[in-house]
Amino acid sequence: MALGVMDMIGLAASLVFALPLANYAVIRLAAGEVALGAGLLVVAVAMVVLPQYFLDPGRILRGLLSGLLPRQLRSGDDDAGSEGDSVEK
């Protein structure tokens, strides 16, 4: 996974909030509060993993823009090929 500059800044911003939460979760686990510690640890991991693997802003933006563009302006190979065949016949 190659990260660009903006991806690294986003990861750093996520870690700024996730690391203290993970630290508190480990302290709660060590204190014997298993449910609270495990729950907070899951939240801290999700704060880092979800934006990196599932919530890719570029993919969301491309999907949004392709839905807003008219069909003629979308870059689809299937549409261009079928229109070209119908014109030749």
PDB file of N, CA and C in Angstrom:
ATOM      1  N   MET A   1       0.852  -1.167   0.000  1.00  0.00           N
ATOM      2  CA  MET A   1       0.000   0.000   0.000  1.00  0.00           C
ATOM      3  C   MET A   1       0.896   1.228   0.000  1.00  0.00           C
ATOM      4  N   ALA A   2       0.937   1.930  -1.105  1.00  0.00           N
ATOM      5  CA  ALA A   2       1.747   3.141  -1.214  1.00  0.00           C
ATOM      6  C   ALA A   2       0.919   4.341  -0.768  1.00  0.00           C
ATOM      7  N   LEU A   3       1.427   5.043   0.220  1.00  0.00           N
ATOM      8  CA  LEU A   3       0.715   6.201   0.749  1.00  0.00           C
ATOM      9  C   LEU A   3       1.325   7.474   0.202  1.00  0.00           C
ATOM     10  N   GLY A   4       0.483   8.394  -0.230  1.00  0.00           N
ATOM     11  CA  GLY A   4       0.945   9.700  -0.665  1.00  0.00           C
ATOM     12  C   GLY A   4       1.068  10.633   0.529  1.00  0.00           C
ATOM     13  N   VAL A   5       1.393  11.874   0.244  1.00  0.00           N
ATOM     14  CA  VAL A   5       1.581  12.859   1.310  1.00  0.00           C
ATOM     15  C   VAL A   5       0.268  13.098   2.054  1.00  0.00           C
ATOM     16  N   MET A   6      -0.824  13.248   1.315  1.00  0.00           N
ATOM     17  CA  MET A   6      -2.113  13.505   1.961  1.00  0.00           C
ATOM     18  C   MET A   6      -2.574  12.287   2.764  1.00  0.00           C
ATOM     19  N   ASP A   7      -2.276  11.093   2.262  1.00  0.00           N
ATOM     20  CA  ASP A   7      -2.618   9.883   3.008  1.00  0.00           C
ATOM     21  C   ASP A   7      -1.839   9.804   4.314  1.00  0.00           C
ATOM     22  N   MET A   8      -0.569  10.188   4.267  1.00  0.00           N
ATOM     23  CA  MET A   8       0.254  10.180   5.481  1.00  0.00           C
ATOM     24  C   MET A   8      -0.258  11.198   6.499  1.00  0.00           C
ATOM     25  N   ILE A   9      -0.687  12.362   6.025  1.00  0.00           N
ATOM     26  CA  ILE A   9      -1.240  13.375   6.931  1.00  0.00           C
ATOM     27  C   ILE A   9      -2.533  12.866   7.551  1.00  0.00           C
ATOM     28  N   GLY A  10      -3.373  12.217   6.753  1.00  0.00           N
ATOM     29  CA  GLY A  10      -4.611  11.641   7.278  1.00  0.00           C
ATOM     30  C   GLY A  10      -4.351  10.541   8.292  1.00  0.00           C
ATOM     31  N   LEU A  11      -3.347   9.714   8.022  1.00  0.00           N
ATOM     32  CA  LEU A  11      -2.987   8.657   8.965  1.00  0.00           C
ATOM     33  C   LEU A  11      -2.461   9.248  10.265  1.00  0.00           C
ATOM     34  N   ALA A  12      -1.643  10.285  10.163  1.00  0.00           N
ATOM     35  CA  ALA A  12      -1.119  10.941  11.367  1.00  0.00           C
ATOM     36  C   ALA A  12      -2.248  11.557  12.181  1.00  0.00           C
ATOM     37  N   ALA A  13      -3.219  12.161  11.505  1.00  0.00           N
ATOM     38  CA  ALA A  13      -4.359  12.752  12.218  1.00  0.00           C
ATOM     39  C   ALA A  13      -5.176  11.675  12.917  1.00  0.00           C
ATOM     40  N   SER A  14      -5.353  10.532  12.269  1.00  0.00           N
ATOM     41  CA  SER A  14      -6.076   9.427  12.908  1.00  0.00           C
ATOM     42  C   SER A  14      -5.318   8.903  14.116  1.00  0.00           C
ATOM     43  N   LEU A  15      -4.000   8.786  13.980  1.00  0.00           N
ATOM     44  CA  LEU A  15      -3.192   8.259  15.081  1.00  0.00           C
ATOM     45  C   LEU A  15      -3.145   9.205  16.272  1.00  0.00           C
ATOM     46  N   VAL A  16      -3.243  10.514  16.016  1.00  0.00           N
ATOM     47  CA  VAL A  16      -3.237  11.484  17.121  1.00  0.00           C
ATOM     48  C   VAL A  16      -4.389  11.203  18.075  1.00  0.00           C
ATOM     49  N   PHE A  17      -5.529  10.802  17.542  1.00  0.00           N
ATOM     50  CA  PHE A  17      -6.684  10.523  18.392  1.00  0.00           C
ATOM     51  C   PHE A  17      -6.753   9.061  18.825  1.00  0.00           C
ATOM     52  N   ALA A  18      -6.254   8.142  18.003  1.00  0.00           N
ATOM     53  CA  ALA A  18      -6.387   6.720  18.306  1.00  0.00           C
ATOM     54  C   ALA A  18      -5.373   6.239  19.340  1.00  0.00           C
ATOM     55  N   LEU A  19      -4.158   6.776  19.334  1.00  0.00           N
ATOM     56  CA  LEU A  19      -3.136   6.295  20.274  1.00  0.00           C
ATOM     57  C   LEU A  19      -3.474   6.573  21.740  1.00  0.00           C
ATOM     58  N   PRO A  20      -3.933   7.768  22.108  1.00  0.00           N
ATOM     59  CA  PRO A  20      -4.320   7.949  23.515  1.00  0.00           C
ATOM     60  C   PRO A  20      -5.490   7.055  23.925  1.00  0.00           C
ATOM     61  N   LEU A  21      -6.423   6.843  23.005  1.00  0.00           N
ATOM     62  CA  LEU A  21      -7.545   5.961  23.308  1.00  0.00           C
ATOM     63  C   LEU A  21      -7.065   4.523  23.494  1.00  0.00           C
ATOM     64  N   ALA A  22      -6.144   4.082  22.654  1.00  0.00           N
ATOM     65  CA  ALA A  22      -5.591   2.734  22.795  1.00  0.00           C
ATOM     66  C   ALA A  22      -4.798   2.601  24.090  1.00  0.00           C
ATOM     67  N   ASN A  23      -4.083   3.646  24.455  1.00  0.00           N
ATOM     68  CA  ASN A  23      -3.340   3.634  25.716  1.00  0.00           C
ATOM     69  C   ASN A  23      -4.291   3.498  26.905  1.00  0.00           C
ATOM     70  N   TYR A  24      -5.365   4.257  26.891  1.00  0.00           N
ATOM     71  CA  TYR A  24      -6.352   4.166  27.970  1.00  0.00           C
ATOM     72  C   TYR A  24      -7.005   2.782  27.983  1.00  0.00           C
ATOM     73  N   ALA A  25      -7.230   2.204  26.789  1.00  0.00           N
ATOM     74  CA  ALA A  25      -7.830   0.873  26.714  1.00  0.00           C
ATOM     75  C   ALA A  25      -6.914  -0.176  27.330  1.00  0.00           C
ATOM     76  N   VAL A  26      -5.617  -0.071  27.085  1.00  0.00           N
ATOM     77  CA  VAL A  26      -4.668  -1.027  27.667  1.00  0.00           C
ATOM     78  C   VAL A  26      -4.626  -0.867  29.183  1.00  0.00           C
ATOM     79  N   ILE A  27      -4.691   0.362  29.661  1.00  0.00           N
ATOM     80  CA  ILE A  27      -4.712   0.601  31.112  1.00  0.00           C
ATOM     81  C   ILE A  27      -5.963  -0.016  31.731  1.00  0.00           C
ATOM     82  N   ARG A  28      -7.112   0.149  31.068  1.00  0.00           N
ATOM     83  CA  ARG A  28      -8.357  -0.439  31.584  1.00  0.00           C
ATOM     84  C   ARG A  28      -8.278  -1.963  31.553  1.00  0.00           C
ATOM     85  N   LEU A  29      -7.664  -2.533  30.510  1.00  0.00           N
ATOM     86  CA  LEU A  29      -7.503  -3.990  30.456  1.00  0.00           C
ATOM     87  C   LEU A  29      -6.617  -4.476  31.596  1.00  0.00           C
ATOM     88  N   ALA A  30      -5.545  -3.746  31.869  1.00  0.00           N
ATOM     89  CA  ALA A  30      -4.638  -4.124  32.956  1.00  0.00           C
ATOM     90  C   ALA A  30      -5.306  -3.975  34.314  1.00  0.00           C
ATOM     91  N   ALA A  31      -6.262  -3.051  34.416  1.00  0.00           N
ATOM     92  CA  ALA A  31      -6.969  -2.844  35.680  1.00  0.00           C
ATOM     93  C   ALA A  31      -8.066  -3.881  35.896  1.00  0.00           C
ATOM     94  N   GLY A  32      -8.332  -4.696  34.892  1.00  0.00           N
ATOM     95  CA  GLY A  32      -9.317  -5.753  35.051  1.00  0.00           C
ATOM     96  C   GLY A  32     -10.669  -5.452  34.435  1.00  0.00           C
ATOM     97  N   GLU A  33     -10.835  -4.301  33.842  1.00  0.00           N
ATOM     98  CA  GLU A  33     -12.100  -3.959  33.188  1.00  0.00           C
ATOM     99  C   GLU A  33     -12.022  -4.403  31.726  1.00  0.00           C
ATOM    100  N   VAL A  34     -12.302  -5.686  31.528  1.00  0.00           N
ATOM    101  CA  VAL A  34     -12.084  -6.309  30.229  1.00  0.00           C
ATOM    102  C   VAL A  34     -13.038  -5.758  29.171  1.00  0.00           C
ATOM    103  N   ALA A  35     -14.302  -5.614  29.486  1.00  0.00           N
ATOM    104  CA  ALA A  35     -15.279  -5.166  28.489  1.00  0.00           C
ATOM    105  C   ALA A  35     -14.971  -3.748  28.012  1.00  0.00           C
ATOM    106  N   LEU A  36     -14.716  -2.848  28.951  1.00  0.00           N
ATOM    107  CA  LEU A  36     -14.418  -1.465  28.587  1.00  0.00           C
ATOM    108  C   LEU A  36     -13.101  -1.378  27.817  1.00  0.00           C
ATOM    109  N   GLY A  37     -12.081  -2.060  28.293  1.00  0.00           N
ATOM    110  CA  GLY A  37     -10.785  -2.024  27.632  1.00  0.00           C
ATOM    111  C   GLY A  37     -10.831  -2.605  26.231  1.00  0.00           C
ATOM    112  N   ALA A  38     -11.487  -3.742  26.070  1.00  0.00           N
ATOM    113  CA  ALA A  38     -11.579  -4.367  24.748  1.00  0.00           C
ATOM    114  C   ALA A  38     -12.410  -3.512  23.799  1.00  0.00           C
ATOM    115  N   GLY A  39     -13.486  -2.950  24.302  1.00  0.00           N
ATOM    116  CA  GLY A  39     -14.325  -2.090  23.462  1.00  0.00           C
ATOM    117  C   GLY A  39     -13.586  -0.857  22.984  1.00  0.00           C
ATOM    118  N   LEU A  40     -12.858  -0.216  23.883  1.00  0.00           N
ATOM    119  CA  LEU A  40     -12.100   0.974  23.500  1.00  0.00           C
ATOM    120  C   LEU A  40     -10.955   0.626  22.559  1.00  0.00           C
ATOM    121  N   LEU A  41     -10.363  -0.535  22.740  1.00  0.00           N
ATOM    122  CA  LEU A  41      -9.294  -0.964  21.842  1.00  0.00           C
ATOM    123  C   LEU A  41      -9.828  -1.224  20.432  1.00  0.00           C
ATOM    124  N   VAL A  42     -11.004  -1.800  20.342  1.00  0.00           N
ATOM    125  CA  VAL A  42     -11.635  -2.018  19.034  1.00  0.00           C
ATOM    126  C   VAL A  42     -11.940  -0.680  18.367  1.00  0.00           C
ATOM    127  N   VAL A  43     -12.423   0.285  19.133  1.00  0.00           N
ATOM    128  CA  VAL A  43     -12.712   1.612  18.581  1.00  0.00           C
ATOM    129  C   VAL A  43     -11.428   2.278  18.093  1.00  0.00           C
ATOM    130  N   ALA A  44     -10.351   2.165  18.856  1.00  0.00           N
ATOM    131  CA  ALA A  44      -9.079   2.777  18.460  1.00  0.00           C
ATOM    132  C   ALA A  44      -8.539   2.153  17.180  1.00  0.00           C
ATOM    133  N   VAL A  45      -8.633   0.852  17.058  1.00  0.00           N
ATOM    134  CA  VAL A  45      -8.177   0.183  15.836  1.00  0.00           C
ATOM    135  C   VAL A  45      -9.062   0.586  14.658  1.00  0.00           C
ATOM    136  N   ALA A  46     -10.359   0.676  14.881  1.00  0.00           N
ATOM    137  CA  ALA A  46     -11.274   1.067  13.805  1.00  0.00           C
ATOM    138  C   ALA A  46     -11.023   2.495  13.339  1.00  0.00           C
ATOM    139  N   MET A  47     -10.595   3.365  14.250  1.00  0.00           N
ATOM    140  CA  MET A  47     -10.303   4.750  13.872  1.00  0.00           C
ATOM    141  C   MET A  47      -9.161   4.828  12.867  1.00  0.00           C
ATOM    142  N   VAL A  48      -8.260   3.876  12.891  1.00  0.00           N
ATOM    143  CA  VAL A  48      -7.126   3.881  11.966  1.00  0.00           C
ATOM    144  C   VAL A  48      -7.425   3.038  10.728  1.00  0.00           C
ATOM    145  N   VAL A  49      -8.031   1.878  10.912  1.00  0.00           N
ATOM    146  CA  VAL A  49      -8.209   0.930   9.814  1.00  0.00           C
ATOM    147  C   VAL A  49      -9.307   1.369   8.846  1.00  0.00           C
ATOM    148  N   LEU A  50     -10.437   1.822   9.353  1.00  0.00           N
ATOM    149  CA  LEU A  50     -11.553   2.163   8.467  1.00  0.00           C
ATOM    150  C   LEU A  50     -11.214   3.249   7.454  1.00  0.00           C
ATOM    151  N   PRO A  51     -10.640   4.365   7.858  1.00  0.00           N
ATOM    152  CA  PRO A  51     -10.325   5.378   6.834  1.00  0.00           C
ATOM    153  C   PRO A  51      -9.269   4.916   5.832  1.00  0.00           C
ATOM    154  N   GLN A  52      -8.358   4.066   6.235  1.00  0.00           N
ATOM    155  CA  GLN A  52      -7.276   3.657   5.339  1.00  0.00           C
ATOM    156  C   GLN A  52      -7.724   2.621   4.315  1.00  0.00           C
ATOM    157  N   TYR A  53      -8.621   1.713   4.696  1.00  0.00           N
ATOM    158  CA  TYR A  53      -8.957   0.608   3.813  1.00  0.00           C
ATOM    159  C   TYR A  53     -10.352   0.685   3.212  1.00  0.00           C
ATOM    160  N   PHE A  54     -11.295   1.294   3.900  1.00  0.00           N
ATOM    161  CA  PHE A  54     -12.672   1.263   3.423  1.00  0.00           C
ATOM    162  C   PHE A  54     -13.199   2.622   2.992  1.00  0.00           C
ATOM    163  N   LEU A  55     -12.789   3.680   3.644  1.00  0.00           N
ATOM    164  CA  LEU A  55     -13.311   5.009   3.353  1.00  0.00           C
ATOM    165  C   LEU A  55     -12.300   5.821   2.562  1.00  0.00           C
ATOM    166  N   ASP A  56     -11.924   5.322   1.398  1.00  0.00           N
ATOM    167  CA  ASP A  56     -10.964   6.013   0.548  1.00  0.00           C
ATOM    168  C   ASP A  56     -11.641   7.239  -0.060  1.00  0.00           C
ATOM    169  N   PRO A  57     -11.222   8.453   0.304  1.00  0.00           N
ATOM    170  CA  PRO A  57     -11.896   9.653  -0.203  1.00  0.00           C
ATOM    171  C   PRO A  57     -11.836   9.780  -1.720  1.00  0.00           C
ATOM    172  N   GLY A  58     -10.767   9.341  -2.338  1.00  0.00           N
ATOM    173  CA  GLY A  58     -10.671   9.420  -3.792  1.00  0.00           C
ATOM    174  C   GLY A  58     -11.711   8.556  -4.479  1.00  0.00           C
ATOM    175  N   ARG A  59     -11.917   7.349  -3.973  1.00  0.00           N
ATOM    176  CA  ARG A  59     -12.900   6.453  -4.568  1.00  0.00           C
ATOM    177  C   ARG A  59     -14.315   6.984  -4.361  1.00  0.00           C
ATOM    178  N   ILE A  60     -14.588   7.541  -3.178  1.00  0.00           N
ATOM    179  CA  ILE A  60     -15.904   8.109  -2.907  1.00  0.00           C
ATOM    180  C   ILE A  60     -16.165   9.297  -3.827  1.00  0.00           C
ATOM    181  N   LEU A  61     -15.160  10.152  -4.006  1.00  0.00           N
ATOM    182  CA  LEU A  61     -15.311  11.322  -4.865  1.00  0.00           C
ATOM    183  C   LEU A  61     -15.508  10.921  -6.324  1.00  0.00           C
ATOM    184  N   ARG A  62     -14.746   9.926  -6.799  1.00  0.00           N
ATOM    185  CA  ARG A  62     -14.917   9.462  -8.178  1.00  0.00           C
ATOM    186  C   ARG A  62     -16.314   8.894  -8.398  1.00  0.00           C
ATOM    187  N   GLY A  63     -16.810   8.129  -7.441  1.00  0.00           N
ATOM    188  CA  GLY A  63     -18.156   7.578  -7.570  1.00  0.00           C
ATOM    189  C   GLY A  63     -19.224   8.652  -7.576  1.00  0.00           C
ATOM    190  N   LEU A  64     -19.041   9.666  -6.740  1.00  0.00           N
ATOM    191  CA  LEU A  64     -20.000  10.760  -6.690  1.00  0.00           C
ATOM    192  C   LEU A  64     -19.991  11.553  -7.991  1.00  0.00           C
ATOM    193  N   LEU A  65     -18.805  11.866  -8.486  1.00  0.00           N
ATOM    194  CA  LEU A  65     -18.708  12.643  -9.720  1.00  0.00           C
ATOM    195  C   LEU A  65     -19.193  11.861 -10.930  1.00  0.00           C
ATOM    196  N   SER A  66     -18.925  10.570 -10.976  1.00  0.00           N
ATOM    197  CA  SER A  66     -19.392   9.787 -12.118  1.00  0.00           C
ATOM    198  C   SER A  66     -20.909   9.665 -12.107  1.00  0.00           C
ATOM    199  N   GLY A  67     -21.516   9.693 -10.940  1.00  0.00           N
ATOM    200  CA  GLY A  67     -22.971   9.670 -10.866  1.00  0.00           C
ATOM    201  C   GLY A  67     -23.596  10.989 -11.277  1.00  0.00           C
ATOM    202  N   LEU A  68     -22.869  12.083 -11.123  1.00  0.00           N
ATOM    203  CA  LEU A  68     -23.396  13.396 -11.479  1.00  0.00           C
ATOM    204  C   LEU A  68     -23.192  13.739 -12.947  1.00  0.00           C
ATOM    205  N   LEU A  69     -22.195  13.122 -13.583  1.00  0.00           N
ATOM    206  CA  LEU A  69     -21.902  13.435 -14.982  1.00  0.00           C
ATOM    207  C   LEU A  69     -22.934  12.803 -15.908  1.00  0.00           C
ATOM    208  N   PRO A  70     -23.255  13.473 -17.002  1.00  0.00           N
ATOM    209  CA  PRO A  70     -24.129  12.847 -17.999  1.00  0.00           C
ATOM    210  C   PRO A  70     -23.456  11.613 -18.598  1.00  0.00           C
ATOM    211  N   ARG A  71     -24.240  10.736 -19.166  1.00  0.00           N
ATOM    212  CA  ARG A  71     -23.721   9.473 -19.677  1.00  0.00           C
ATOM    213  C   ARG A  71     -22.697   9.682 -20.787  1.00  0.00           C
ATOM    214  N   GLN A  72     -22.839  10.734 -21.577  1.00  0.00           N
ATOM    215  CA  GLN A  72     -21.913  10.975 -22.676  1.00  0.00           C
ATOM    216  C   GLN A  72     -20.519  11.336 -22.179  1.00  0.00           C
ATOM    217  N   LEU A  73     -20.417  11.919 -20.985  1.00  0.00           N
ATOM    218  CA  LEU A  73     -19.125  12.358 -20.469  1.00  0.00           C
ATOM    219  C   LEU A  73     -18.432  11.315 -19.604  1.00  0.00           C
ATOM    220  N   ARG A  74     -19.125  10.243 -19.257  1.00  0.00           N
ATOM    221  CA  ARG A  74     -18.504   9.197 -18.443  1.00  0.00           C
ATOM    222  C   ARG A  74     -17.526   8.406 -19.289  1.00  0.00           C
ATOM    223  N   SER A  75     -16.481   7.911 -18.649  1.00  0.00           N
ATOM    224  CA  SER A  75     -15.475   7.127 -19.382  1.00  0.00           C
ATOM    225  C   SER A  75     -15.788   5.651 -19.231  1.00  0.00           C
ATOM    226  N   GLY A  76     -16.625   5.134 -20.098  1.00  0.00           N
ATOM    227  CA  GLY A  76     -16.971   3.719 -20.076  1.00  0.00           C
ATOM    228  C   GLY A  76     -16.659   3.089 -21.417  1.00  0.00           C
ATOM    229  N   ASP A  77     -15.931   1.992 -21.414  1.00  0.00           N
ATOM    230  CA  ASP A  77     -15.559   1.335 -22.664  1.00  0.00           C
ATOM    231  C   ASP A  77     -16.755   0.638 -23.298  1.00  0.00           C
ATOM    232  N   ASP A  78     -17.667   0.106 -22.477  1.00  0.00           N
ATOM    233  CA  ASP A  78     -18.819  -0.610 -23.006  1.00  0.00           C
ATOM    234  C   ASP A  78     -19.755   0.330 -23.754  1.00  0.00           C
ATOM    235  N   ASP A  79     -19.980   1.518 -23.220  1.00  0.00           N
ATOM    236  CA  ASP A  79     -20.879   2.471 -23.861  1.00  0.00           C
ATOM    237  C   ASP A  79     -20.315   2.951 -25.189  1.00  0.00           C
ATOM    238  N   ALA A  80     -19.027   3.234 -25.238  1.00  0.00           N
ATOM    239  CA  ALA A  80     -18.408   3.745 -26.459  1.00  0.00           C
ATOM    240  C   ALA A  80     -18.419   2.682 -27.553  1.00  0.00           C
ATOM    241  N   GLY A  81     -18.175   1.439 -27.191  1.00  0.00           N
ATOM    242  CA  GLY A  81     -18.154   0.374 -28.182  1.00  0.00           C
ATOM    243  C   GLY A  81     -19.532   0.093 -28.757  1.00  0.00           C
ATOM    244  N   SER A  82     -20.578   0.117 -27.963  1.00  0.00           N
ATOM    245  CA  SER A  82     -21.916  -0.168 -28.460  1.00  0.00           C
ATOM    246  C   SER A  82     -22.438   0.964 -29.330  1.00  0.00           C
ATOM    247  N   GLU A  83     -22.078   2.209 -29.028  1.00  0.00           N
ATOM    248  CA  GLU A  83     -22.515   3.329 -29.854  1.00  0.00           C
ATOM    249  C   GLU A  83     -21.817   3.297 -31.204  1.00  0.00           C
ATOM    250  N   GLY A  84     -20.551   2.942 -31.213  1.00  0.00           N
ATOM    251  CA  GLY A  84     -19.805   2.880 -32.467  1.00  0.00           C
ATOM    252  C   GLY A  84     -20.343   1.798 -33.389  1.00  0.00           C
ATOM    253  N   ASP A  85     -20.774   0.653 -32.846  1.00  0.00           N
ATOM    254  CA  ASP A  85     -21.312  -0.426 -33.658  1.00  0.00           C
ATOM    255  C   ASP A  85     -22.659  -0.046 -34.255  1.00  0.00           C
ATOM    256  N   SER A  86     -23.492   0.639 -33.502  1.00  0.00           N
ATOM    257  CA  SER A  86     -24.813   0.984 -33.997  1.00  0.00           C
ATOM    258  C   SER A  86     -24.736   2.047 -35.088  1.00  0.00           C
ATOM    259  N   VAL A  87     -23.730   2.902 -35.066  1.00  0.00           N
ATOM    260  CA  VAL A  87     -23.580   3.929 -36.088  1.00  0.00           C
ATOM    261  C   VAL A  87     -23.128   3.300 -37.397  1.00  0.00           C
ATOM    262  N   GLU A  88     -22.260   2.290 -37.332  1.00  0.00           N
ATOM    263  CA  GLU A  88     -21.739   1.664 -38.541  1.00  0.00           C
ATOM    264  C   GLU A  88     -22.795   0.854 -39.265  1.00  0.00           C
ATOM    265  N   LYS A  89     -23.759   0.285 -38.559  1.00  0.00           N
ATOM    266  CA  LYS A  89     -24.789  -0.559 -39.187  1.00  0.00           C
ATOM    267  C   LYS A  89     -25.723   0.343 -39.879  1.00  0.00           C
TER     268      LYS A  89
END
